[in-house]
Amino acid sequence: MNIAMRDTRELAMTHRPMAAETPPDTKPGAVSPLLFPLDEFYVRQGRAVPAAIALEGVDVPEPYRSLLVHSNDMTPTLEAFHGDTLHVHVLYAEERGDHYHREVLLELDGTNRAVEYGAIRINLALLPADARRDVLAARQPLGHILRAHRIAHASRPKAYLRFVADEHIGGVLRLSDRPVLFGRRNTLTERGNLPLAEIVEILPPEPAS
């Protein structure tokens, strides 16, 4: 059942098993598929999945290393870096059984500037009813909702990513060229260590300091 389709920009959407968890600041090792769940949006729309490579945390350049190589939620990390709060701009969303899949931008409240492009699969069955309602309302980032409802969880990055922006990602981020982008493949686990959310988080270019 489609929940939201709020943008006329091109969309794209697969599901395969996770690899073993690894500490966030060490070599990620083999993770397959590297871009799950983003690869689902691509495969479902007949797009070629971007050719990303996995980096060690120490090989991610600044400011992306500070933004990505940690075991914190991305929402407060980005809000602290940009000095503004965030909201969700949904590109596509769908419920499949207990799982809610969506492709989104995280945008600054003050300027609507996109500061993250991402894809996420959330296990709604692991959330209380009020938190599920907030997730499906598709206004607040998941990090806000987990904090507001005091849902204990851990962030466990699986890999740090480097790839060249393709036409789709360049388009949704409104990039004038096709730069190298950095991101991470992350899993949020709940108190019982079950996967609450699988996420690919990709950052747009930041001006050189």
N, C-alpha and C. Protein backbone atom coordinates (compact mmCIF):
# COMPACT_ATOMS: atom_id res chain seq x y z
N MET A 1 0.85 -1.19 0.00
CA MET A 1 0.00 0.00 0.00
C MET A 1 0.88 1.23 0.00
N ASN A 2 0.73 2.10 -0.96
CA ASN A 2 1.52 3.32 -1.02
C ASN A 2 1.04 4.28 0.05
N ILE A 3 1.98 4.85 0.81
CA ILE A 3 1.65 5.79 1.87
C ILE A 3 1.84 7.22 1.42
N ALA A 4 2.91 7.47 0.67
CA ALA A 4 3.16 8.85 0.27
C ALA A 4 3.97 8.88 -0.99
N MET A 5 3.68 9.84 -1.85
CA MET A 5 4.51 10.11 -3.00
C MET A 5 4.42 11.61 -3.21
N ARG A 6 5.39 12.35 -2.63
CA ARG A 6 5.25 13.79 -2.49
C ARG A 6 6.19 14.57 -3.36
N ASP A 7 6.74 13.97 -4.35
CA ASP A 7 7.68 14.69 -5.18
C ASP A 7 7.57 14.18 -6.59
N THR A 8 7.71 15.05 -7.57
CA THR A 8 7.64 14.63 -8.95
C THR A 8 8.99 14.26 -9.50
N ARG A 9 10.02 14.45 -8.69
CA ARG A 9 11.34 14.02 -9.13
C ARG A 9 11.39 12.51 -9.23
N GLU A 10 12.33 11.99 -10.02
CA GLU A 10 12.39 10.56 -10.28
C GLU A 10 12.64 9.80 -8.99
N LEU A 11 11.94 8.69 -8.89
CA LEU A 11 12.05 7.85 -7.72
C LEU A 11 12.82 6.59 -8.07
N ALA A 12 13.14 5.95 -7.11
CA ALA A 12 13.62 4.64 -7.39
C ALA A 12 13.51 3.76 -6.16
N MET A 13 13.44 1.64 -6.20
CA MET A 13 13.34 0.87 -4.94
C MET A 13 13.71 -0.54 -5.08
N THR A 14 15.18 -3.65 -2.45
CA THR A 14 15.33 -5.03 -2.63
C THR A 14 15.73 -5.52 -1.32
N HIS A 15 15.76 -6.53 -1.08
CA HIS A 15 15.93 -6.97 0.30
C HIS A 15 16.73 -8.24 0.31
N ARG A 16 17.89 -8.13 0.99
CA ARG A 16 18.76 -9.29 1.13
C ARG A 16 19.36 -9.28 2.52
N PRO A 17 19.97 -10.36 2.95
CA PRO A 17 20.42 -10.45 4.34
C PRO A 17 21.57 -9.51 4.67
N MET A 18 21.67 -9.20 5.94
CA MET A 18 22.73 -8.35 6.46
C MET A 18 23.99 -9.16 6.72
N ALA A 19 25.12 -8.46 6.72
CA ALA A 19 26.37 -9.08 7.18
C ALA A 19 26.54 -8.84 8.67
N ALA A 20 27.55 -9.44 9.27
CA ALA A 20 27.77 -9.29 10.70
C ALA A 20 28.11 -7.85 11.04
N GLU A 21 27.74 -7.44 12.26
CA GLU A 21 27.97 -6.07 12.69
C GLU A 21 29.46 -5.84 12.93
N THR A 22 29.92 -4.56 12.74
CA THR A 22 31.31 -4.21 12.97
C THR A 22 31.38 -2.90 13.70
N PRO A 23 32.41 -2.64 14.49
CA PRO A 23 32.55 -1.36 15.20
C PRO A 23 32.64 -0.22 14.21
N PRO A 24 32.17 0.97 14.57
CA PRO A 24 32.07 2.06 13.62
C PRO A 24 33.39 2.64 13.16
N ASP A 25 34.47 2.54 13.90
CA ASP A 25 35.70 3.21 13.54
C ASP A 25 36.77 2.26 12.99
N THR A 26 36.40 1.05 12.68
CA THR A 26 37.35 0.09 12.15
C THR A 26 36.97 -0.27 10.73
N LYS A 27 37.81 -1.08 10.10
CA LYS A 27 37.53 -1.49 8.72
C LYS A 27 36.20 -2.22 8.67
N PRO A 28 35.25 -1.77 7.80
CA PRO A 28 33.92 -2.36 7.82
C PRO A 28 33.90 -3.81 7.37
N GLY A 29 34.80 -4.22 6.46
CA GLY A 29 34.75 -5.56 5.93
C GLY A 29 33.67 -5.69 4.88
N ALA A 30 33.33 -6.94 4.51
CA ALA A 30 32.38 -7.18 3.43
C ALA A 30 30.96 -7.03 3.95
N VAL A 31 30.18 -6.19 3.30
CA VAL A 31 28.77 -6.02 3.61
C VAL A 31 28.01 -6.19 2.31
N SER A 32 27.07 -7.09 2.28
CA SER A 32 26.35 -7.35 1.04
C SER A 32 24.88 -7.49 1.34
N PRO A 33 24.04 -6.78 0.58
CA PRO A 33 24.43 -5.75 -0.39
C PRO A 33 24.84 -4.46 0.30
N LEU A 34 25.83 -3.80 -0.25
CA LEU A 34 26.42 -2.64 0.41
C LEU A 34 25.43 -1.50 0.56
N LEU A 35 24.50 -1.36 -0.38
CA LEU A 35 23.59 -0.20 -0.38
C LEU A 35 22.17 -0.56 0.04
N PHE A 36 21.95 -1.71 0.70
CA PHE A 36 20.61 -2.02 1.19
C PHE A 36 20.22 -1.06 2.31
N PRO A 37 19.01 -0.47 2.29
CA PRO A 37 17.89 -0.75 1.39
C PRO A 37 17.78 0.18 0.18
N LEU A 38 18.77 1.05 -0.06
CA LEU A 38 18.69 1.93 -1.21
C LEU A 38 18.62 1.14 -2.51
N ASP A 39 19.30 0.00 -2.57
CA ASP A 39 19.29 -0.78 -3.80
C ASP A 39 17.89 -1.23 -4.19
N GLU A 40 16.98 -1.38 -3.21
CA GLU A 40 15.61 -1.78 -3.52
C GLU A 40 14.92 -0.75 -4.41
N PHE A 41 15.09 0.51 -4.09
CA PHE A 41 14.45 1.56 -4.88
C PHE A 41 14.98 1.55 -6.31
N TYR A 42 16.28 1.31 -6.43
CA TYR A 42 16.89 1.28 -7.76
C TYR A 42 16.41 0.08 -8.57
N VAL A 43 16.48 -1.10 -7.98
CA VAL A 43 16.13 -2.32 -8.72
C VAL A 43 14.66 -2.30 -9.15
N ARG A 44 13.79 -1.85 -8.28
CA ARG A 44 12.36 -1.82 -8.61
C ARG A 44 12.05 -0.87 -9.75
N GLN A 45 12.86 0.14 -9.94
CA GLN A 45 12.64 1.10 -11.01
C GLN A 45 13.55 0.85 -12.22
N GLY A 46 14.26 -0.25 -12.21
CA GLY A 46 15.09 -0.61 -13.35
C GLY A 46 16.34 0.24 -13.51
N ARG A 47 16.82 0.82 -12.45
CA ARG A 47 18.03 1.64 -12.50
C ARG A 47 19.25 0.81 -12.16
N ALA A 48 20.39 1.24 -12.67
CA ALA A 48 21.66 0.62 -12.27
C ALA A 48 22.04 1.13 -10.88
N VAL A 49 22.30 0.22 -9.95
CA VAL A 49 22.68 0.60 -8.60
C VAL A 49 24.06 1.26 -8.64
N PRO A 50 24.24 2.41 -7.98
CA PRO A 50 25.55 3.09 -8.00
C PRO A 50 26.68 2.18 -7.53
N ALA A 51 27.84 2.34 -8.14
CA ALA A 51 29.00 1.52 -7.81
C ALA A 51 29.74 2.13 -6.62
N ALA A 52 29.24 1.86 -5.42
CA ALA A 52 29.86 2.39 -4.21
C ALA A 52 30.99 1.48 -3.75
N ILE A 53 31.97 2.06 -3.08
CA ILE A 53 33.03 1.29 -2.44
C ILE A 53 32.99 1.56 -0.94
N ALA A 54 33.40 0.55 -0.15
CA ALA A 54 33.44 0.69 1.30
C ALA A 54 34.80 1.21 1.73
N LEU A 55 34.78 2.18 2.62
CA LEU A 55 36.01 2.78 3.15
C LEU A 55 36.17 2.44 4.62
N GLU A 56 37.42 2.46 5.09
CA GLU A 56 37.64 2.49 6.53
C GLU A 56 37.29 3.89 7.04
N GLY A 57 36.87 3.97 8.29
CA GLY A 57 36.50 5.26 8.85
C GLY A 57 37.59 6.30 8.73
N VAL A 58 38.86 5.89 8.92
CA VAL A 58 39.96 6.85 8.87
C VAL A 58 40.19 7.40 7.48
N ASP A 59 39.65 6.73 6.46
CA ASP A 59 39.84 7.17 5.08
C ASP A 59 38.74 8.10 4.59
N VAL A 60 37.73 8.35 5.42
CA VAL A 60 36.68 9.30 5.05
C VAL A 60 37.20 10.70 5.32
N PRO A 61 37.20 11.60 4.33
CA PRO A 61 37.75 12.95 4.55
C PRO A 61 36.80 13.80 5.38
N GLU A 62 37.36 14.82 6.01
CA GLU A 62 36.54 15.80 6.72
C GLU A 62 35.87 16.74 5.71
N PRO A 63 34.68 17.30 6.04
CA PRO A 63 33.96 17.16 7.30
C PRO A 63 33.12 15.89 7.40
N TYR A 64 33.16 15.05 6.36
CA TYR A 64 32.29 13.88 6.32
C TYR A 64 32.65 12.86 7.40
N ARG A 65 33.95 12.77 7.74
CA ARG A 65 34.34 11.83 8.79
C ARG A 65 33.64 12.17 10.10
N SER A 66 33.66 13.44 10.48
CA SER A 66 33.01 13.84 11.74
C SER A 66 31.50 13.61 11.69
N LEU A 67 30.91 13.73 10.50
CA LEU A 67 29.46 13.58 10.36
C LEU A 67 29.02 12.12 10.26
N LEU A 68 29.91 11.23 9.85
CA LEU A 68 29.51 9.85 9.56
C LEU A 68 30.16 8.81 10.46
N VAL A 69 31.41 9.01 10.86
CA VAL A 69 32.17 7.95 11.52
C VAL A 69 31.99 8.06 13.03
N HIS A 70 30.88 7.53 13.49
CA HIS A 70 30.52 7.55 14.91
C HIS A 70 29.35 6.59 15.08
N SER A 71 28.96 6.35 16.31
CA SER A 71 27.83 5.47 16.58
C SER A 71 26.65 6.25 17.15
N ASN A 72 26.50 7.49 16.71
CA ASN A 72 25.37 8.33 17.13
C ASN A 72 24.32 8.37 16.04
N ASP A 73 23.12 8.83 16.39
CA ASP A 73 22.09 9.07 15.39
C ASP A 73 22.51 10.22 14.49
N MET A 74 22.13 10.15 13.21
CA MET A 74 22.50 11.20 12.28
C MET A 74 21.71 12.48 12.51
N THR A 75 20.47 12.39 12.97
CA THR A 75 19.65 13.59 13.11
C THR A 75 20.30 14.62 14.03
N PRO A 76 20.63 14.29 15.29
CA PRO A 76 21.26 15.31 16.14
C PRO A 76 22.64 15.70 15.65
N THR A 77 23.35 14.78 15.00
CA THR A 77 24.68 15.10 14.47
C THR A 77 24.58 16.17 13.40
N LEU A 78 23.65 16.01 12.46
CA LEU A 78 23.47 17.00 11.40
C LEU A 78 22.92 18.31 11.94
N GLU A 79 22.02 18.23 12.90
CA GLU A 79 21.45 19.47 13.47
C GLU A 79 22.53 20.28 14.18
N ALA A 80 23.42 19.62 14.91
CA ALA A 80 24.51 20.34 15.58
C ALA A 80 25.45 20.96 14.55
N PHE A 81 25.77 20.25 13.48
CA PHE A 81 26.70 20.74 12.47
C PHE A 81 26.12 21.95 11.73
N HIS A 82 24.84 21.89 11.39
CA HIS A 82 24.23 22.94 10.58
C HIS A 82 23.54 24.03 11.42
N GLY A 83 23.42 23.82 12.72
CA GLY A 83 22.80 24.83 13.57
C GLY A 83 21.33 25.05 13.29
N ASP A 84 20.62 24.01 12.92
CA ASP A 84 19.19 24.12 12.62
C ASP A 84 18.55 22.75 12.83
N THR A 85 17.24 22.73 13.04
CA THR A 85 16.52 21.47 13.17
C THR A 85 16.14 20.94 11.79
N LEU A 86 15.75 19.67 11.76
CA LEU A 86 15.49 18.98 10.50
C LEU A 86 14.05 18.50 10.40
N HIS A 87 13.58 18.38 9.18
CA HIS A 87 12.31 17.72 8.90
C HIS A 87 12.51 16.75 7.74
N VAL A 88 11.54 15.86 7.56
CA VAL A 88 11.59 14.85 6.52
C VAL A 88 10.85 15.34 5.28
N HIS A 89 11.48 15.18 4.15
CA HIS A 89 10.83 15.38 2.85
C HIS A 89 10.78 14.01 2.17
N VAL A 90 9.60 13.41 2.10
CA VAL A 90 9.46 12.05 1.58
C VAL A 90 9.41 12.08 0.05
N LEU A 91 10.26 11.29 -0.57
CA LEU A 91 10.22 11.10 -2.02
C LEU A 91 9.32 9.93 -2.38
N TYR A 92 9.37 8.90 -1.57
CA TYR A 92 8.52 7.73 -1.80
C TYR A 92 8.44 6.94 -0.51
N ALA A 93 7.27 6.36 -0.23
CA ALA A 93 7.12 5.54 0.97
C ALA A 93 6.12 4.43 0.70
N GLU A 94 6.35 3.30 1.37
CA GLU A 94 5.53 2.12 1.16
C GLU A 94 5.58 1.23 2.38
N GLU A 95 4.43 0.67 2.76
CA GLU A 95 4.37 -0.35 3.79
C GLU A 95 4.34 -1.72 3.13
N ARG A 96 5.17 -2.66 3.68
CA ARG A 96 5.14 -4.05 3.24
C ARG A 96 5.12 -4.91 4.49
N GLY A 97 3.94 -5.37 4.86
CA GLY A 97 3.81 -6.12 6.10
C GLY A 97 4.18 -5.25 7.28
N ASP A 98 5.09 -5.74 8.12
CA ASP A 98 5.52 -4.98 9.29
C ASP A 98 6.58 -3.94 8.97
N HIS A 99 7.04 -3.90 7.73
CA HIS A 99 8.15 -3.01 7.38
C HIS A 99 7.67 -1.81 6.56
N TYR A 100 8.24 -0.67 6.90
CA TYR A 100 7.93 0.59 6.24
C TYR A 100 9.20 1.06 5.53
N HIS A 101 9.11 1.20 4.21
CA HIS A 101 10.25 1.58 3.39
C HIS A 101 10.03 3.01 2.90
N ARG A 102 11.06 3.83 2.98
CA ARG A 102 10.92 5.15 2.39
C ARG A 102 12.25 5.70 1.92
N GLU A 103 12.15 6.53 0.90
CA GLU A 103 13.27 7.27 0.32
C GLU A 103 13.04 8.73 0.66
N VAL A 104 14.03 9.38 1.25
CA VAL A 104 13.77 10.71 1.82
C VAL A 104 14.95 11.65 1.62
N LEU A 105 14.63 12.92 1.79
CA LEU A 105 15.63 13.95 2.07
C LEU A 105 15.41 14.42 3.50
N LEU A 106 16.48 14.72 4.21
CA LEU A 106 16.39 15.46 5.46
C LEU A 106 16.73 16.91 5.14
N GLU A 107 15.83 17.82 5.48
CA GLU A 107 15.99 19.22 5.12
C GLU A 107 16.01 20.09 6.36
N LEU A 108 16.76 21.20 6.28
CA LEU A 108 16.81 22.16 7.37
C LEU A 108 15.49 22.91 7.45
N ASP A 109 14.98 23.08 8.68
CA ASP A 109 13.71 23.78 8.84
C ASP A 109 13.78 25.22 8.36
N GLY A 110 14.92 25.88 8.56
CA GLY A 110 15.01 27.30 8.23
C GLY A 110 15.06 27.60 6.75
N THR A 111 15.71 26.72 5.96
CA THR A 111 15.95 27.02 4.55
C THR A 111 15.43 25.95 3.59
N ASN A 112 14.98 24.81 4.12
CA ASN A 112 14.59 23.66 3.30
C ASN A 112 15.76 23.09 2.48
N ARG A 113 16.98 23.44 2.85
CA ARG A 113 18.14 22.86 2.17
C ARG A 113 18.29 21.39 2.57
N ALA A 114 18.49 20.52 1.57
CA ALA A 114 18.69 19.10 1.84
C ALA A 114 20.10 18.87 2.36
N VAL A 115 20.22 18.22 3.51
CA VAL A 115 21.53 17.93 4.10
C VAL A 115 21.77 16.43 4.21
N GLU A 116 20.82 15.63 3.78
CA GLU A 116 21.02 14.19 3.68
C GLU A 116 20.00 13.62 2.71
N TYR A 117 20.46 12.67 1.90
CA TYR A 117 19.57 11.84 1.09
C TYR A 117 19.68 10.44 1.66
N GLY A 118 18.56 9.75 1.78
CA GLY A 118 18.66 8.42 2.37
C GLY A 118 17.53 7.50 2.01
N ALA A 119 17.75 6.24 2.33
CA ALA A 119 16.72 5.21 2.21
C ALA A 119 16.71 4.43 3.51
N ILE A 120 15.50 4.06 3.96
CA ILE A 120 15.38 3.42 5.26
C ILE A 120 14.29 2.36 5.21
N ARG A 121 14.52 1.27 5.92
CA ARG A 121 13.50 0.26 6.17
C ARG A 121 13.32 0.16 7.67
N ILE A 122 12.12 0.45 8.15
CA ILE A 122 11.82 0.48 9.59
C ILE A 122 10.92 -0.69 9.93
N ASN A 123 11.27 -1.44 10.99
CA ASN A 123 10.43 -2.53 11.47
C ASN A 123 9.39 -1.95 12.43
N LEU A 124 8.19 -1.72 11.91
CA LEU A 124 7.14 -1.09 12.71
C LEU A 124 6.72 -1.97 13.88
N ALA A 125 6.88 -3.27 13.76
CA ALA A 125 6.46 -4.18 14.83
C ALA A 125 7.27 -3.99 16.10
N LEU A 126 8.44 -3.35 16.01
CA LEU A 126 9.29 -3.13 17.18
C LEU A 126 9.02 -1.78 17.85
N LEU A 127 8.06 -1.03 17.33
CA LEU A 127 7.74 0.29 17.88
C LEU A 127 6.39 0.27 18.58
N PRO A 128 6.22 1.05 19.67
CA PRO A 128 4.90 1.21 20.27
C PRO A 128 3.97 1.94 19.31
N ALA A 129 2.67 1.82 19.55
CA ALA A 129 1.67 2.33 18.61
C ALA A 129 1.82 3.82 18.36
N ASP A 130 2.10 4.62 19.40
CA ASP A 130 2.20 6.06 19.20
C ASP A 130 3.42 6.42 18.35
N ALA A 131 4.51 5.70 18.53
CA ALA A 131 5.69 5.94 17.71
C ALA A 131 5.45 5.52 16.26
N ARG A 132 4.73 4.40 16.06
CA ARG A 132 4.39 3.99 14.69
C ARG A 132 3.60 5.07 13.98
N ARG A 133 2.64 5.66 14.69
CA ARG A 133 1.83 6.73 14.09
C ARG A 133 2.72 7.90 13.66
N ASP A 134 3.67 8.25 14.50
CA ASP A 134 4.56 9.36 14.16
C ASP A 134 5.44 9.02 12.96
N VAL A 135 5.92 7.79 12.89
CA VAL A 135 6.72 7.38 11.73
C VAL A 135 5.90 7.49 10.45
N LEU A 136 4.68 6.97 10.47
CA LEU A 136 3.85 6.95 9.27
C LEU A 136 3.34 8.34 8.90
N ALA A 137 3.33 9.27 9.86
CA ALA A 137 2.97 10.65 9.54
C ALA A 137 4.03 11.31 8.66
N ALA A 138 5.23 10.78 8.68
CA ALA A 138 6.31 11.17 7.76
C ALA A 138 6.65 12.66 7.81
N ARG A 139 6.70 13.20 9.02
CA ARG A 139 7.11 14.60 9.18
C ARG A 139 8.44 14.72 9.94
N GLN A 140 8.64 13.89 10.95
CA GLN A 140 9.83 13.98 11.79
C GLN A 140 10.85 12.91 11.40
N PRO A 141 12.14 13.23 11.46
CA PRO A 141 13.15 12.18 11.29
C PRO A 141 12.99 11.10 12.36
N LEU A 142 13.40 9.90 12.02
CA LEU A 142 13.28 8.80 12.96
C LEU A 142 14.02 9.09 14.26
N GLY A 143 15.17 9.77 14.18
CA GLY A 143 15.90 10.11 15.40
C GLY A 143 15.09 10.94 16.37
N HIS A 144 14.31 11.89 15.85
CA HIS A 144 13.44 12.69 16.71
C HIS A 144 12.40 11.81 17.39
N ILE A 145 11.81 10.90 16.63
CA ILE A 145 10.73 10.07 17.16
C ILE A 145 11.25 9.13 18.24
N LEU A 146 12.40 8.52 18.01
CA LEU A 146 12.96 7.62 19.01
C LEU A 146 13.29 8.37 20.29
N ARG A 147 13.81 9.58 20.16
CA ARG A 147 14.13 10.37 21.35
C ARG A 147 12.85 10.82 22.06
N ALA A 148 11.86 11.27 21.31
CA ALA A 148 10.61 11.76 21.92
C ALA A 148 9.89 10.66 22.69
N HIS A 149 9.95 9.42 22.18
CA HIS A 149 9.25 8.31 22.82
C HIS A 149 10.18 7.50 23.74
N ARG A 150 11.39 7.99 23.93
CA ARG A 150 12.35 7.36 24.84
C ARG A 150 12.55 5.88 24.50
N ILE A 151 12.74 5.61 23.22
CA ILE A 151 12.95 4.24 22.75
C ILE A 151 14.45 3.96 22.73
N ALA A 152 14.89 3.08 23.60
CA ALA A 152 16.32 2.74 23.68
C ALA A 152 16.74 2.04 22.38
N HIS A 153 17.89 2.46 21.86
CA HIS A 153 18.38 1.87 20.62
C HIS A 153 19.87 2.14 20.50
N ALA A 154 20.50 1.44 19.58
CA ALA A 154 21.93 1.64 19.31
C ALA A 154 22.13 1.79 17.82
N SER A 155 23.09 2.63 17.46
CA SER A 155 23.45 2.84 16.06
C SER A 155 24.70 2.03 15.77
N ARG A 156 24.65 1.19 14.73
CA ARG A 156 25.75 0.27 14.43
C ARG A 156 26.13 0.38 12.95
N PRO A 157 26.98 1.34 12.59
CA PRO A 157 27.40 1.46 11.19
C PRO A 157 28.06 0.18 10.68
N LYS A 158 27.69 -0.21 9.45
CA LYS A 158 28.23 -1.41 8.83
C LYS A 158 29.35 -1.08 7.84
N ALA A 159 29.25 0.09 7.20
CA ALA A 159 30.24 0.46 6.18
C ALA A 159 30.16 1.95 5.95
N TYR A 160 31.29 2.54 5.57
CA TYR A 160 31.34 3.93 5.12
C TYR A 160 31.51 3.91 3.61
N LEU A 161 30.83 4.80 2.93
CA LEU A 161 30.64 4.69 1.49
C LEU A 161 31.27 5.85 0.74
N ARG A 162 31.76 5.55 -0.45
CA ARG A 162 32.24 6.56 -1.39
C ARG A 162 31.77 6.17 -2.78
N PHE A 163 31.18 7.11 -3.51
CA PHE A 163 30.78 6.86 -4.89
C PHE A 163 30.52 8.19 -5.58
N VAL A 164 30.44 8.11 -6.89
CA VAL A 164 30.14 9.30 -7.68
C VAL A 164 28.64 9.44 -7.80
N ALA A 165 28.12 10.63 -7.58
CA ALA A 165 26.69 10.88 -7.67
C ALA A 165 26.18 10.51 -9.06
N ASP A 166 25.11 9.73 -9.12
CA ASP A 166 24.50 9.42 -10.41
C ASP A 166 23.41 10.44 -10.72
N GLU A 167 22.73 10.23 -11.83
CA GLU A 167 21.71 11.20 -12.27
C GLU A 167 20.59 11.33 -11.26
N HIS A 168 20.17 10.22 -10.68
CA HIS A 168 19.05 10.26 -9.74
C HIS A 168 19.41 11.01 -8.46
N ILE A 169 20.50 10.60 -7.82
CA ILE A 169 20.88 11.26 -6.56
C ILE A 169 21.28 12.71 -6.81
N GLY A 170 22.01 12.95 -7.91
CA GLY A 170 22.33 14.33 -8.25
C GLY A 170 21.09 15.17 -8.45
N GLY A 171 20.04 14.56 -9.03
CA GLY A 171 18.81 15.30 -9.26
C GLY A 171 18.06 15.64 -7.98
N VAL A 172 17.90 14.65 -7.09
CA VAL A 172 17.13 14.92 -5.88
C VAL A 172 17.88 15.86 -4.94
N LEU A 173 19.23 15.83 -4.99
CA LEU A 173 20.02 16.76 -4.18
C LEU A 173 20.26 18.09 -4.89
N ARG A 174 19.77 18.20 -6.13
CA ARG A 174 19.89 19.44 -6.92
C ARG A 174 21.35 19.86 -7.08
N LEU A 175 22.17 18.89 -7.44
CA LEU A 175 23.59 19.15 -7.67
C LEU A 175 23.81 19.58 -9.12
N SER A 176 24.69 20.52 -9.33
CA SER A 176 24.94 21.02 -10.68
C SER A 176 25.91 20.13 -11.45
N ASP A 177 26.65 19.27 -10.75
CA ASP A 177 27.56 18.34 -11.40
C ASP A 177 27.40 16.98 -10.74
N ARG A 178 28.34 16.10 -10.93
CA ARG A 178 28.27 14.75 -10.37
C ARG A 178 29.48 14.50 -9.49
N PRO A 179 29.49 15.08 -8.30
CA PRO A 179 30.67 14.98 -7.43
C PRO A 179 30.77 13.63 -6.74
N VAL A 180 31.93 13.40 -6.11
CA VAL A 180 32.10 12.26 -5.22
C VAL A 180 31.30 12.53 -3.94
N LEU A 181 30.54 11.54 -3.51
CA LEU A 181 29.73 11.66 -2.30
C LEU A 181 30.18 10.62 -1.27
N PHE A 182 29.90 10.93 -0.01
CA PHE A 182 30.23 10.02 1.09
C PHE A 182 28.97 9.74 1.90
N GLY A 183 28.92 8.56 2.46
CA GLY A 183 27.76 8.18 3.25
C GLY A 183 28.10 7.00 4.14
N ARG A 184 27.06 6.38 4.70
CA ARG A 184 27.29 5.19 5.51
C ARG A 184 26.08 4.26 5.42
N ARG A 185 26.36 3.00 5.64
CA ARG A 185 25.34 1.95 5.74
C ARG A 185 25.20 1.64 7.23
N ASN A 186 24.00 1.84 7.77
CA ASN A 186 23.83 1.81 9.21
C ASN A 186 22.66 0.92 9.59
N THR A 187 22.73 0.35 10.79
CA THR A 187 21.62 -0.40 11.37
C THR A 187 21.33 0.17 12.75
N LEU A 188 20.07 0.44 13.03
CA LEU A 188 19.63 0.78 14.38
C LEU A 188 19.04 -0.47 15.00
N THR A 189 19.50 -0.80 16.19
CA THR A 189 18.96 -1.96 16.90
C THR A 189 18.23 -1.51 18.15
N GLU A 190 17.22 -2.27 18.53
CA GLU A 190 16.48 -1.95 19.74
C GLU A 190 17.10 -2.67 20.93
N ARG A 191 16.46 -2.52 22.08
CA ARG A 191 17.06 -3.02 23.33
C ARG A 191 17.42 -4.50 23.26
N GLY A 192 16.62 -5.30 22.57
CA GLY A 192 16.89 -6.73 22.45
C GLY A 192 17.84 -7.07 21.32
N ASN A 193 18.48 -6.06 20.73
CA ASN A 193 19.47 -6.22 19.67
C ASN A 193 18.85 -6.67 18.35
N LEU A 194 17.54 -6.50 18.20
CA LEU A 194 16.89 -6.78 16.92
C LEU A 194 17.00 -5.56 16.02
N PRO A 195 17.09 -5.75 14.69
CA PRO A 195 17.23 -4.60 13.78
C PRO A 195 15.93 -3.80 13.70
N LEU A 196 15.98 -2.60 14.24
CA LEU A 196 14.84 -1.69 14.20
C LEU A 196 14.75 -0.97 12.86
N ALA A 197 15.90 -0.59 12.31
CA ALA A 197 15.93 0.12 11.03
C ALA A 197 17.23 -0.16 10.31
N GLU A 198 17.12 -0.34 8.99
CA GLU A 198 18.28 -0.44 8.11
C GLU A 198 18.32 0.84 7.28
N ILE A 199 19.48 1.48 7.20
CA ILE A 199 19.54 2.82 6.62
C ILE A 199 20.77 2.97 5.75
N VAL A 200 20.60 3.66 4.63
CA VAL A 200 21.73 4.23 3.88
C VAL A 200 21.61 5.75 3.99
N GLU A 201 22.67 6.39 4.46
CA GLU A 201 22.68 7.84 4.71
C GLU A 201 23.77 8.47 3.85
N ILE A 202 23.39 9.36 2.94
CA ILE A 202 24.32 9.97 1.98
C ILE A 202 24.29 11.48 2.15
N LEU A 203 25.47 12.07 2.22
CA LEU A 203 25.58 13.52 2.45
C LEU A 203 25.88 14.25 1.15
N PRO A 204 25.28 15.41 0.95
CA PRO A 204 25.64 16.25 -0.21
C PRO A 204 27.01 16.88 0.03
N PRO A 205 27.62 17.45 -1.00
CA PRO A 205 28.92 18.11 -0.81
C PRO A 205 28.81 19.29 0.15
N GLU A 206 29.83 19.45 0.98
CA GLU A 206 29.93 20.61 1.85
C GLU A 206 31.05 21.51 1.34
N PRO A 207 30.88 22.82 1.42
CA PRO A 207 31.96 23.72 0.98
C PRO A 207 33.24 23.46 1.74
N ALA A 208 34.37 23.55 1.04
CA ALA A 208 35.66 23.36 1.72
C ALA A 208 35.87 24.45 2.74
N SER A 209 36.40 24.07 3.92
CA SER A 209 36.63 25.06 4.97
C SER A 209 37.90 25.83 4.70
